[in-house]
Amino acid sequence: MKYTQIQDGEWIRPEGDNYREQCCDCGLVHNVEFRIVDGHVEWRAVRNAKATAACRRTKPKRSKR
């Protein structure tokens, strides 16, 4: 799966209702959901183990310092 690269602190407007977020350093992937309740935005993130494993398989290994 392809992920959109965003910069730290950048505001985004997710498309659709199945938005995924990937950490650029470690490859951890979360499914992120948004909703509006009583005029307030709520969001939650759930770790996606399958997508994380797939991402980490293709990600180059970082050398330990």
C-alpha atoms as a PDB file:
ATOM      1  CA  MET A   1       0.000   0.000   0.000  1.00  0.00           C
ATOM      2  CA  LYS A   2       1.192   3.508  -0.771  1.00  0.00           C
ATOM      3  CA  TYR A   3       1.174   6.162   1.934  1.00  0.00           C
ATOM      4  CA  THR A   4       1.150   9.919   1.507  1.00  0.00           C
ATOM      5  CA  GLN A   5       4.310  11.506   2.917  1.00  0.00           C
ATOM      6  CA  ILE A   6       3.519  14.468   5.152  1.00  0.00           C
ATOM      7  CA  GLN A   7       5.805  16.693   7.178  1.00  0.00           C
ATOM      8  CA  ASP A   8       5.848  16.824  10.980  1.00  0.00           C
ATOM      9  CA  GLY A   9       3.040  19.067  12.213  1.00  0.00           C
ATOM     10  CA  GLU A  10       1.409  19.409   8.776  1.00  0.00           C
ATOM     11  CA  TRP A  11      -2.416  19.536   8.692  1.00  0.00           C
ATOM     12  CA  ILE A  12      -4.018  17.040   6.362  1.00  0.00           C
ATOM     13  CA  ARG A  13      -7.510  16.291   5.141  1.00  0.00           C
ATOM     14  CA  PRO A  14      -7.969  12.506   5.057  1.00  0.00           C
ATOM     15  CA  GLU A  15      -9.848  11.078   2.088  1.00  0.00           C
ATOM     16  CA  GLY A  16     -12.516   8.461   2.755  1.00  0.00           C
ATOM     17  CA  ASP A  17     -13.201   6.589   5.963  1.00  0.00           C
ATOM     18  CA  ASN A  18     -10.269   4.137   5.958  1.00  0.00           C
ATOM     19  CA  TYR A  19      -7.305   6.435   6.547  1.00  0.00           C
ATOM     20  CA  ARG A  20      -3.933   4.907   7.470  1.00  0.00           C
ATOM     21  CA  GLU A  21      -0.984   6.655   9.022  1.00  0.00           C
ATOM     22  CA  GLN A  22       2.595   5.358   8.901  1.00  0.00           C
ATOM     23  CA  CYS A  23       5.536   6.469  11.032  1.00  0.00           C
ATOM     24  CA  CYS A  24       8.412   7.333   8.727  1.00  0.00           C
ATOM     25  CA  ASP A  25      11.066   6.256  11.274  1.00  0.00           C
ATOM     26  CA  CYS A  26       9.872   2.827  12.383  1.00  0.00           C
ATOM     27  CA  GLY A  27       7.155   1.899   9.860  1.00  0.00           C
ATOM     28  CA  LEU A  28       4.395   1.474  12.469  1.00  0.00           C
ATOM     29  CA  VAL A  29       0.995   1.778  10.757  1.00  0.00           C
ATOM     30  CA  HIS A  30      -2.271   2.854  12.417  1.00  0.00           C
ATOM     31  CA  ASN A  31      -5.806   2.952  11.068  1.00  0.00           C
ATOM     32  CA  VAL A  32      -7.145   6.372  12.032  1.00  0.00           C
ATOM     33  CA  GLU A  33     -10.845   7.191  12.296  1.00  0.00           C
ATOM     34  CA  PHE A  34     -12.478  10.605  12.731  1.00  0.00           C
ATOM     35  CA  ARG A  35     -15.988  11.603  13.728  1.00  0.00           C
ATOM     36  CA  ILE A  36     -17.875  14.682  14.863  1.00  0.00           C
ATOM     37  CA  VAL A  37     -19.843  14.430  18.110  1.00  0.00           C
ATOM     38  CA  ASP A  38     -21.758  17.417  19.478  1.00  0.00           C
ATOM     39  CA  GLY A  39     -19.787  19.736  17.158  1.00  0.00           C
ATOM     40  CA  HIS A  40     -16.371  18.426  18.271  1.00  0.00           C
ATOM     41  CA  VAL A  41     -13.913  16.348  16.265  1.00  0.00           C
ATOM     42  CA  GLU A  42     -12.928  13.040  17.833  1.00  0.00           C
ATOM     43  CA  TRP A  43     -10.337  10.652  16.482  1.00  0.00           C
ATOM     44  CA  ARG A  44      -8.867   7.312  17.384  1.00  0.00           C
ATOM     45  CA  ALA A  45      -5.941   5.272  16.135  1.00  0.00           C
ATOM     46  CA  VAL A  46      -5.671   1.484  16.157  1.00  0.00           C
ATOM     47  CA  ARG A  47      -2.398  -0.267  15.378  1.00  0.00           C
ATOM     48  CA  ASN A  48      -2.575  -2.289  12.142  1.00  0.00           C
ATOM     49  CA  ALA A  49      -0.242  -5.250  12.693  1.00  0.00           C
ATOM     50  CA  LYS A  50      -0.607  -6.665   9.154  1.00  0.00           C
ATOM     51  CA  ALA A  51       0.153  -3.351   7.410  1.00  0.00           C
ATOM     52  CA  THR A  52       3.033  -2.665   9.826  1.00  0.00           C
ATOM     53  CA  ALA A  53       4.604  -6.050   9.060  1.00  0.00           C
ATOM     54  CA  ALA A  54       4.237  -5.476   5.309  1.00  0.00           C
ATOM     55  CA  CYS A  55       5.799  -2.018   5.582  1.00  0.00           C
ATOM     56  CA  ARG A  56       8.707  -3.213   7.695  1.00  0.00           C
ATOM     57  CA  ARG A  57       9.485  -6.083   5.298  1.00  0.00           C
ATOM     58  CA  THR A  58      10.142  -3.587   2.491  1.00  0.00           C
ATOM     59  CA  LYS A  59      11.747  -0.852   4.602  1.00  0.00           C
ATOM     60  CA  PRO A  60      15.559  -0.722   4.591  1.00  0.00           C
ATOM     61  CA  LYS A  61      17.110  -1.592   7.957  1.00  0.00           C
ATOM     62  CA  ARG A  62      18.652   1.306   9.899  1.00  0.00           C
ATOM     63  CA  SER A  63      22.104   0.772  11.340  1.00  0.00           C
ATOM     64  CA  LYS A  64      22.332   0.826  15.134  1.00  0.00           C
ATOM     65  CA  ARG A  65      24.626   3.417  16.652  1.00  0.00           C
END
